[in-house]
Amino acid sequence: MNIAIAADHAGISYKKAIVEFLGQQGHQVKDFGTNSEASCDYADFAHPLAVGIESGTFDFGILICGTANGMLMTANKHKGVRAGLAWNEEISGIIRAHNDANILGIPARFVGLDLALAMVVKFLNTDFEGGRHLTRINKIPC
């Protein structure tokens, strides 16, 4: 898969570990930053990643920050982006299966790295169920 990833200063260590993990799994990964632990503005990294999802350049995206909320609010402003927050493996699967999420949000201050990696695996290996869920997500755009 072709996967985009970005983090702010609170998620940089998780981002590095996830990039390495995905590479070992044979995925292509585009890192949109940040590459510093200095305080930064999450929108500067979420917008370019979301543009890549919006354009179809990437299959999926992963956004990581302290709570992931700011990153996801930013990404969800883009047409066709469905960025979902997960804090356990089950939810990371449900946001794919029921919401056809194309971006996984990881709250680095609230989940351990092993759990974050398990969430990535679950997210990437869960298919959208369609059916009644498709009817619902078709009502999302304004």
N, C-alpha and C. Protein backbone atom coordinates (compact mmCIF):
# COMPACT_ATOMS: atom_id res chain seq x y z
N MET A 1 0.83 -1.19 0.00
CA MET A 1 0.00 0.00 0.00
C MET A 1 0.87 1.25 0.00
N ASN A 2 0.29 2.31 -0.44
CA ASN A 2 0.96 3.61 -0.45
C ASN A 2 0.34 4.44 0.68
N ILE A 3 1.11 4.68 1.72
CA ILE A 3 0.59 5.26 2.95
C ILE A 3 1.28 6.58 3.25
N ALA A 4 0.48 7.57 3.64
CA ALA A 4 1.01 8.88 4.06
C ALA A 4 0.94 8.94 5.58
N ILE A 5 1.93 9.61 6.18
CA ILE A 5 1.96 9.73 7.64
C ILE A 5 2.46 11.11 8.02
N ALA A 6 1.93 11.64 9.11
CA ALA A 6 2.38 12.93 9.64
C ALA A 6 2.12 12.96 11.13
N ALA A 7 2.88 13.79 11.81
CA ALA A 7 2.73 13.97 13.25
C ALA A 7 3.13 15.38 13.62
N ASP A 8 2.65 15.83 14.76
CA ASP A 8 3.20 17.05 15.33
C ASP A 8 4.26 16.63 16.35
N HIS A 9 4.73 17.57 17.12
CA HIS A 9 5.82 17.30 18.07
C HIS A 9 5.46 16.22 19.09
N ALA A 10 4.18 16.07 19.44
CA ALA A 10 3.77 15.08 20.43
C ALA A 10 3.75 13.66 19.88
N GLY A 11 3.78 13.52 18.56
CA GLY A 11 3.67 12.19 17.97
C GLY A 11 4.90 11.73 17.21
N ILE A 12 5.98 12.50 17.29
CA ILE A 12 7.13 12.21 16.42
C ILE A 12 7.78 10.86 16.70
N SER A 13 7.88 10.45 17.95
CA SER A 13 8.54 9.16 18.23
C SER A 13 7.67 8.00 17.72
N TYR A 14 6.35 8.12 17.83
CA TYR A 14 5.46 7.09 17.29
C TYR A 14 5.56 7.07 15.77
N LYS A 15 5.60 8.24 15.17
CA LYS A 15 5.69 8.31 13.71
C LYS A 15 6.92 7.57 13.21
N LYS A 16 8.05 7.82 13.84
CA LYS A 16 9.29 7.15 13.42
C LYS A 16 9.15 5.64 13.51
N ALA A 17 8.59 5.15 14.61
CA ALA A 17 8.42 3.71 14.80
C ALA A 17 7.44 3.13 13.79
N ILE A 18 6.37 3.84 13.51
CA ILE A 18 5.36 3.35 12.56
C ILE A 18 5.91 3.35 11.14
N VAL A 19 6.66 4.38 10.77
CA VAL A 19 7.29 4.42 9.44
C VAL A 19 8.21 3.21 9.27
N GLU A 20 9.02 2.93 10.27
CA GLU A 20 9.93 1.78 10.20
C GLU A 20 9.14 0.47 10.09
N PHE A 21 8.13 0.33 10.90
CA PHE A 21 7.29 -0.88 10.89
C PHE A 21 6.63 -1.08 9.53
N LEU A 22 6.04 -0.03 8.99
CA LEU A 22 5.36 -0.14 7.69
C LEU A 22 6.35 -0.48 6.57
N GLY A 23 7.53 0.10 6.63
CA GLY A 23 8.56 -0.23 5.65
C GLY A 23 8.94 -1.70 5.70
N GLN A 24 9.04 -2.23 6.91
CA GLN A 24 9.37 -3.65 7.08
C GLN A 24 8.26 -4.55 6.54
N GLN A 25 7.04 -4.03 6.52
CA GLN A 25 5.89 -4.79 6.00
C GLN A 25 5.76 -4.66 4.48
N GLY A 26 6.65 -3.87 3.86
CA GLY A 26 6.64 -3.73 2.41
C GLY A 26 5.80 -2.60 1.86
N HIS A 27 5.29 -1.74 2.74
CA HIS A 27 4.48 -0.61 2.30
C HIS A 27 5.38 0.56 1.88
N GLN A 28 4.87 1.36 0.95
CA GLN A 28 5.51 2.61 0.58
C GLN A 28 4.98 3.68 1.53
N VAL A 29 5.87 4.48 2.14
CA VAL A 29 5.44 5.46 3.12
C VAL A 29 6.00 6.84 2.76
N LYS A 30 5.11 7.82 2.73
CA LYS A 30 5.50 9.22 2.53
C LYS A 30 5.34 9.92 3.87
N ASP A 31 6.43 10.48 4.37
CA ASP A 31 6.45 11.17 5.66
C ASP A 31 6.29 12.67 5.43
N PHE A 32 5.18 13.23 5.91
CA PHE A 32 4.90 14.65 5.77
C PHE A 32 5.40 15.48 6.95
N GLY A 33 6.17 14.89 7.86
CA GLY A 33 6.72 15.63 8.99
C GLY A 33 5.80 15.57 10.19
N THR A 34 6.14 16.27 11.19
CA THR A 34 7.31 17.03 11.49
C THR A 34 8.47 16.08 11.77
N ASN A 35 9.64 16.65 11.74
CA ASN A 35 10.83 15.86 12.04
C ASN A 35 11.60 16.48 13.20
N SER A 36 10.88 17.21 14.03
CA SER A 36 11.48 17.89 15.17
C SER A 36 10.55 17.78 16.37
N GLU A 37 11.12 17.76 17.55
CA GLU A 37 10.31 17.76 18.76
C GLU A 37 9.95 19.17 19.20
N ALA A 38 10.37 20.18 18.44
CA ALA A 38 10.01 21.56 18.75
C ALA A 38 8.51 21.75 18.52
N SER A 39 7.89 22.56 19.35
CA SER A 39 6.47 22.84 19.22
C SER A 39 6.16 23.32 17.80
N CYS A 40 5.06 22.81 17.24
CA CYS A 40 4.69 23.16 15.87
C CYS A 40 3.18 23.17 15.74
N ASP A 41 2.70 23.61 14.60
CA ASP A 41 1.27 23.68 14.34
C ASP A 41 0.83 22.47 13.52
N TYR A 42 -0.04 21.67 14.09
CA TYR A 42 -0.44 20.41 13.45
C TYR A 42 -1.04 20.59 12.06
N ALA A 43 -1.71 21.70 11.83
CA ALA A 43 -2.34 21.91 10.51
C ALA A 43 -1.31 21.96 9.39
N ASP A 44 -0.10 22.40 9.70
CA ASP A 44 0.95 22.48 8.69
C ASP A 44 1.31 21.10 8.13
N PHE A 45 0.99 20.05 8.86
CA PHE A 45 1.32 18.69 8.44
C PHE A 45 0.06 17.90 8.04
N ALA A 46 -1.05 18.22 8.69
CA ALA A 46 -2.30 17.51 8.37
C ALA A 46 -2.84 17.90 7.00
N HIS A 47 -2.77 19.18 6.65
CA HIS A 47 -3.31 19.61 5.35
C HIS A 47 -2.59 18.93 4.17
N PRO A 48 -1.27 18.94 4.10
CA PRO A 48 -0.62 18.28 2.95
C PRO A 48 -0.94 16.78 2.86
N LEU A 49 -1.01 16.11 4.00
CA LEU A 49 -1.36 14.69 3.98
C LEU A 49 -2.79 14.52 3.46
N ALA A 50 -3.71 15.33 3.94
CA ALA A 50 -5.11 15.23 3.51
C ALA A 50 -5.26 15.52 2.01
N VAL A 51 -4.48 16.43 1.48
CA VAL A 51 -4.49 16.70 0.04
C VAL A 51 -4.10 15.44 -0.72
N GLY A 52 -3.11 14.71 -0.20
CA GLY A 52 -2.68 13.46 -0.83
C GLY A 52 -3.75 12.39 -0.81
N ILE A 53 -4.53 12.34 0.25
CA ILE A 53 -5.66 11.40 0.32
C ILE A 53 -6.77 11.87 -0.62
N GLU A 54 -7.06 13.15 -0.57
CA GLU A 54 -8.11 13.75 -1.41
C GLU A 54 -7.85 13.52 -2.89
N SER A 55 -6.59 13.60 -3.29
CA SER A 55 -6.23 13.45 -4.70
C SER A 55 -6.11 12.00 -5.15
N GLY A 56 -6.11 11.08 -4.18
CA GLY A 56 -5.95 9.66 -4.52
C GLY A 56 -4.51 9.22 -4.65
N THR A 57 -3.58 10.09 -4.29
CA THR A 57 -2.16 9.74 -4.36
C THR A 57 -1.81 8.63 -3.36
N PHE A 58 -2.50 8.63 -2.22
CA PHE A 58 -2.21 7.65 -1.17
C PHE A 58 -3.45 6.82 -0.88
N ASP A 59 -3.23 5.55 -0.52
CA ASP A 59 -4.33 4.67 -0.16
C ASP A 59 -4.91 5.04 1.20
N PHE A 60 -4.02 5.29 2.15
CA PHE A 60 -4.42 5.61 3.51
C PHE A 60 -3.45 6.61 4.11
N GLY A 61 -3.91 7.26 5.19
CA GLY A 61 -3.07 8.17 5.94
C GLY A 61 -3.12 7.84 7.41
N ILE A 62 -2.07 8.28 8.11
CA ILE A 62 -2.00 8.13 9.56
C ILE A 62 -1.55 9.47 10.11
N LEU A 63 -2.34 10.01 11.06
CA LEU A 63 -2.02 11.27 11.71
C LEU A 63 -1.85 11.02 13.20
N ILE A 64 -0.77 11.56 13.76
CA ILE A 64 -0.45 11.31 15.16
C ILE A 64 -0.14 12.63 15.85
N CYS A 65 -0.83 12.87 16.95
CA CYS A 65 -0.46 13.98 17.83
C CYS A 65 -0.91 13.63 19.23
N GLY A 66 -0.87 14.56 20.15
CA GLY A 66 -1.19 14.26 21.53
C GLY A 66 -2.54 13.60 21.69
N THR A 67 -3.60 14.24 21.18
CA THR A 67 -4.95 13.66 21.23
C THR A 67 -5.44 13.21 19.86
N ALA A 68 -4.80 13.65 18.82
CA ALA A 68 -5.14 13.42 17.40
C ALA A 68 -6.32 14.26 16.95
N ASN A 69 -7.00 14.91 17.86
CA ASN A 69 -8.21 15.66 17.49
C ASN A 69 -7.94 16.83 16.55
N GLY A 70 -6.96 17.65 16.84
CA GLY A 70 -6.67 18.79 15.97
C GLY A 70 -6.28 18.36 14.57
N MET A 71 -5.44 17.33 14.50
CA MET A 71 -5.04 16.79 13.19
C MET A 71 -6.25 16.31 12.41
N LEU A 72 -7.15 15.59 13.08
CA LEU A 72 -8.31 15.02 12.39
C LEU A 72 -9.32 16.09 12.00
N MET A 73 -9.51 17.08 12.86
CA MET A 73 -10.41 18.19 12.49
C MET A 73 -9.90 18.88 11.24
N THR A 74 -8.60 19.06 11.16
CA THR A 74 -7.99 19.69 9.99
C THR A 74 -8.19 18.82 8.75
N ALA A 75 -7.84 17.55 8.85
CA ALA A 75 -7.92 16.65 7.70
C ALA A 75 -9.35 16.52 7.19
N ASN A 76 -10.31 16.48 8.09
CA ASN A 76 -11.70 16.28 7.70
C ASN A 76 -12.31 17.47 6.97
N LYS A 77 -11.58 18.55 6.85
CA LYS A 77 -12.04 19.69 6.05
C LYS A 77 -11.91 19.40 4.56
N HIS A 78 -11.15 18.38 4.20
CA HIS A 78 -10.87 18.06 2.80
C HIS A 78 -11.92 17.10 2.25
N LYS A 79 -12.35 17.36 1.02
CA LYS A 79 -13.36 16.55 0.35
C LYS A 79 -12.87 15.11 0.20
N GLY A 80 -13.72 14.19 0.58
CA GLY A 80 -13.39 12.77 0.43
C GLY A 80 -12.55 12.19 1.54
N VAL A 81 -12.14 13.02 2.48
CA VAL A 81 -11.35 12.53 3.61
C VAL A 81 -12.31 12.14 4.72
N ARG A 82 -12.07 10.95 5.27
CA ARG A 82 -12.80 10.47 6.43
C ARG A 82 -11.76 10.02 7.45
N ALA A 83 -11.36 10.98 8.29
CA ALA A 83 -10.34 10.73 9.30
C ALA A 83 -11.00 10.37 10.61
N GLY A 84 -10.62 9.23 11.17
CA GLY A 84 -11.24 8.75 12.40
C GLY A 84 -10.25 8.57 13.53
N LEU A 85 -10.71 8.85 14.72
CA LEU A 85 -9.92 8.70 15.94
C LEU A 85 -10.09 7.30 16.50
N ALA A 86 -8.99 6.67 16.86
CA ALA A 86 -9.05 5.36 17.50
C ALA A 86 -8.15 5.35 18.73
N TRP A 87 -8.59 4.64 19.75
CA TRP A 87 -7.79 4.51 20.97
C TRP A 87 -7.65 3.05 21.38
N ASN A 88 -8.17 2.15 20.54
CA ASN A 88 -7.91 0.73 20.73
C ASN A 88 -8.05 0.02 19.39
N GLU A 89 -7.68 -1.24 19.37
CA GLU A 89 -7.70 -2.02 18.13
C GLU A 89 -9.09 -2.16 17.54
N GLU A 90 -10.07 -2.42 18.40
CA GLU A 90 -11.43 -2.61 17.91
C GLU A 90 -11.94 -1.37 17.18
N ILE A 91 -11.72 -0.21 17.75
CA ILE A 91 -12.20 1.02 17.12
C ILE A 91 -11.45 1.29 15.83
N SER A 92 -10.17 0.97 15.77
CA SER A 92 -9.43 1.19 14.52
C SER A 92 -9.98 0.32 13.40
N GLY A 93 -10.53 -0.84 13.73
CA GLY A 93 -11.20 -1.67 12.73
C GLY A 93 -12.58 -1.15 12.37
N ILE A 94 -13.32 -0.69 13.38
CA ILE A 94 -14.68 -0.21 13.14
C ILE A 94 -14.69 1.05 12.27
N ILE A 95 -13.72 1.95 12.47
CA ILE A 95 -13.74 3.16 11.64
C ILE A 95 -13.48 2.84 10.17
N ARG A 96 -12.82 1.73 9.90
CA ARG A 96 -12.67 1.26 8.52
C ARG A 96 -13.93 0.55 8.06
N ALA A 97 -14.39 -0.42 8.84
CA ALA A 97 -15.50 -1.27 8.44
C ALA A 97 -16.81 -0.51 8.30
N HIS A 98 -17.07 0.42 9.22
CA HIS A 98 -18.36 1.11 9.22
C HIS A 98 -18.31 2.51 8.62
N ASN A 99 -17.16 3.18 8.70
CA ASN A 99 -17.07 4.58 8.26
C ASN A 99 -16.19 4.76 7.03
N ASP A 100 -15.59 3.69 6.53
CA ASP A 100 -14.67 3.76 5.40
C ASP A 100 -13.60 4.82 5.62
N ALA A 101 -13.12 4.92 6.86
CA ALA A 101 -12.08 5.90 7.18
C ALA A 101 -10.87 5.66 6.30
N ASN A 102 -10.30 6.74 5.79
CA ASN A 102 -9.08 6.63 5.00
C ASN A 102 -7.88 7.25 5.72
N ILE A 103 -8.12 7.80 6.90
CA ILE A 103 -7.04 8.29 7.75
C ILE A 103 -7.29 7.80 9.17
N LEU A 104 -6.27 7.21 9.77
CA LEU A 104 -6.30 6.78 11.16
C LEU A 104 -5.65 7.85 12.02
N GLY A 105 -6.36 8.29 13.06
CA GLY A 105 -5.81 9.23 14.02
C GLY A 105 -5.40 8.51 15.28
N ILE A 106 -4.14 8.71 15.68
CA ILE A 106 -3.60 8.05 16.87
C ILE A 106 -3.27 9.10 17.93
N PRO A 107 -3.88 9.00 19.13
CA PRO A 107 -3.60 9.93 20.22
C PRO A 107 -2.39 9.45 21.04
N ALA A 108 -1.21 9.91 20.67
CA ALA A 108 0.03 9.38 21.24
C ALA A 108 0.14 9.54 22.76
N ARG A 109 -0.50 10.53 23.32
CA ARG A 109 -0.42 10.71 24.78
C ARG A 109 -1.33 9.76 25.54
N PHE A 110 -2.15 9.00 24.82
CA PHE A 110 -3.15 8.16 25.48
C PHE A 110 -3.09 6.69 25.12
N VAL A 111 -2.21 6.30 24.19
CA VAL A 111 -2.03 4.89 23.87
C VAL A 111 -0.54 4.58 23.82
N GLY A 112 -0.18 3.38 24.20
CA GLY A 112 1.21 2.96 24.13
C GLY A 112 1.61 2.63 22.69
N LEU A 113 2.90 2.58 22.46
CA LEU A 113 3.39 2.32 21.10
C LEU A 113 2.96 0.96 20.58
N ASP A 114 3.02 -0.08 21.41
CA ASP A 114 2.60 -1.41 20.94
C ASP A 114 1.13 -1.40 20.52
N LEU A 115 0.30 -0.72 21.28
CA LEU A 115 -1.11 -0.61 20.91
C LEU A 115 -1.27 0.19 19.63
N ALA A 116 -0.51 1.27 19.48
CA ALA A 116 -0.57 2.08 18.26
C ALA A 116 -0.23 1.23 17.04
N LEU A 117 0.79 0.41 17.13
CA LEU A 117 1.18 -0.46 16.01
C LEU A 117 0.07 -1.48 15.71
N ALA A 118 -0.53 -2.03 16.75
CA ALA A 118 -1.63 -2.99 16.55
C ALA A 118 -2.83 -2.29 15.89
N MET A 119 -3.07 -1.04 16.26
CA MET A 119 -4.16 -0.28 15.65
C MET A 119 -3.89 -0.05 14.17
N VAL A 120 -2.66 0.25 13.82
CA VAL A 120 -2.29 0.45 12.41
C VAL A 120 -2.55 -0.83 11.62
N VAL A 121 -2.12 -1.97 12.17
CA VAL A 121 -2.33 -3.25 11.48
C VAL A 121 -3.81 -3.51 11.29
N LYS A 122 -4.60 -3.33 12.33
CA LYS A 122 -6.04 -3.57 12.24
C LYS A 122 -6.68 -2.64 11.21
N PHE A 123 -6.33 -1.37 11.25
CA PHE A 123 -6.87 -0.38 10.32
C PHE A 123 -6.57 -0.77 8.87
N LEU A 124 -5.33 -1.08 8.59
CA LEU A 124 -4.92 -1.38 7.21
C LEU A 124 -5.45 -2.71 6.69
N ASN A 125 -5.82 -3.61 7.60
CA ASN A 125 -6.28 -4.93 7.19
C ASN A 125 -7.78 -5.14 7.34
N THR A 126 -8.50 -4.06 7.56
CA THR A 126 -9.96 -4.15 7.66
C THR A 126 -10.58 -3.53 6.43
N ASP A 127 -11.50 -4.25 5.81
CA ASP A 127 -12.21 -3.76 4.64
C ASP A 127 -13.48 -3.02 5.05
N PHE A 128 -13.88 -2.09 4.22
CA PHE A 128 -15.15 -1.39 4.39
C PHE A 128 -16.28 -2.37 4.10
N GLU A 129 -17.29 -2.42 4.95
CA GLU A 129 -18.40 -3.37 4.79
C GLU A 129 -19.43 -2.93 3.76
N GLY A 130 -19.49 -1.63 3.44
CA GLY A 130 -20.48 -1.15 2.49
C GLY A 130 -21.89 -1.29 3.02
N GLY A 131 -22.84 -1.61 2.13
CA GLY A 131 -24.23 -1.80 2.53
C GLY A 131 -24.81 -0.59 3.22
N ARG A 132 -25.43 -0.80 4.37
CA ARG A 132 -26.07 0.29 5.11
C ARG A 132 -25.06 1.37 5.49
N HIS A 133 -23.79 0.98 5.65
CA HIS A 133 -22.76 1.95 6.00
C HIS A 133 -22.46 2.90 4.84
N LEU A 134 -22.52 2.39 3.61
CA LEU A 134 -22.31 3.24 2.44
C LEU A 134 -23.40 4.30 2.34
N THR A 135 -24.62 3.91 2.59
CA THR A 135 -25.73 4.88 2.59
C THR A 135 -25.44 6.00 3.56
N ARG A 136 -24.91 5.66 4.71
CA ARG A 136 -24.64 6.65 5.75
C ARG A 136 -23.49 7.57 5.37
N ILE A 137 -22.39 7.00 4.87
CA ILE A 137 -21.26 7.88 4.56
C ILE A 137 -21.54 8.74 3.33
N ASN A 138 -22.44 8.30 2.48
CA ASN A 138 -22.82 9.13 1.33
C ASN A 138 -23.56 10.39 1.78
N LYS A 139 -24.06 10.42 2.99
CA LYS A 139 -24.75 11.60 3.53
C LYS A 139 -23.80 12.57 4.25
N ILE A 140 -22.52 12.24 4.33
CA ILE A 140 -21.57 13.10 5.04
C ILE A 140 -21.28 14.41 4.32
N PRO A 141 -20.98 14.42 3.02
CA PRO A 141 -20.60 15.68 2.37
C PRO A 141 -21.71 16.73 2.48
N CYS A 142 -21.29 17.98 2.63
CA CYS A 142 -22.25 19.11 2.69
C CYS A 142 -22.62 19.55 1.30
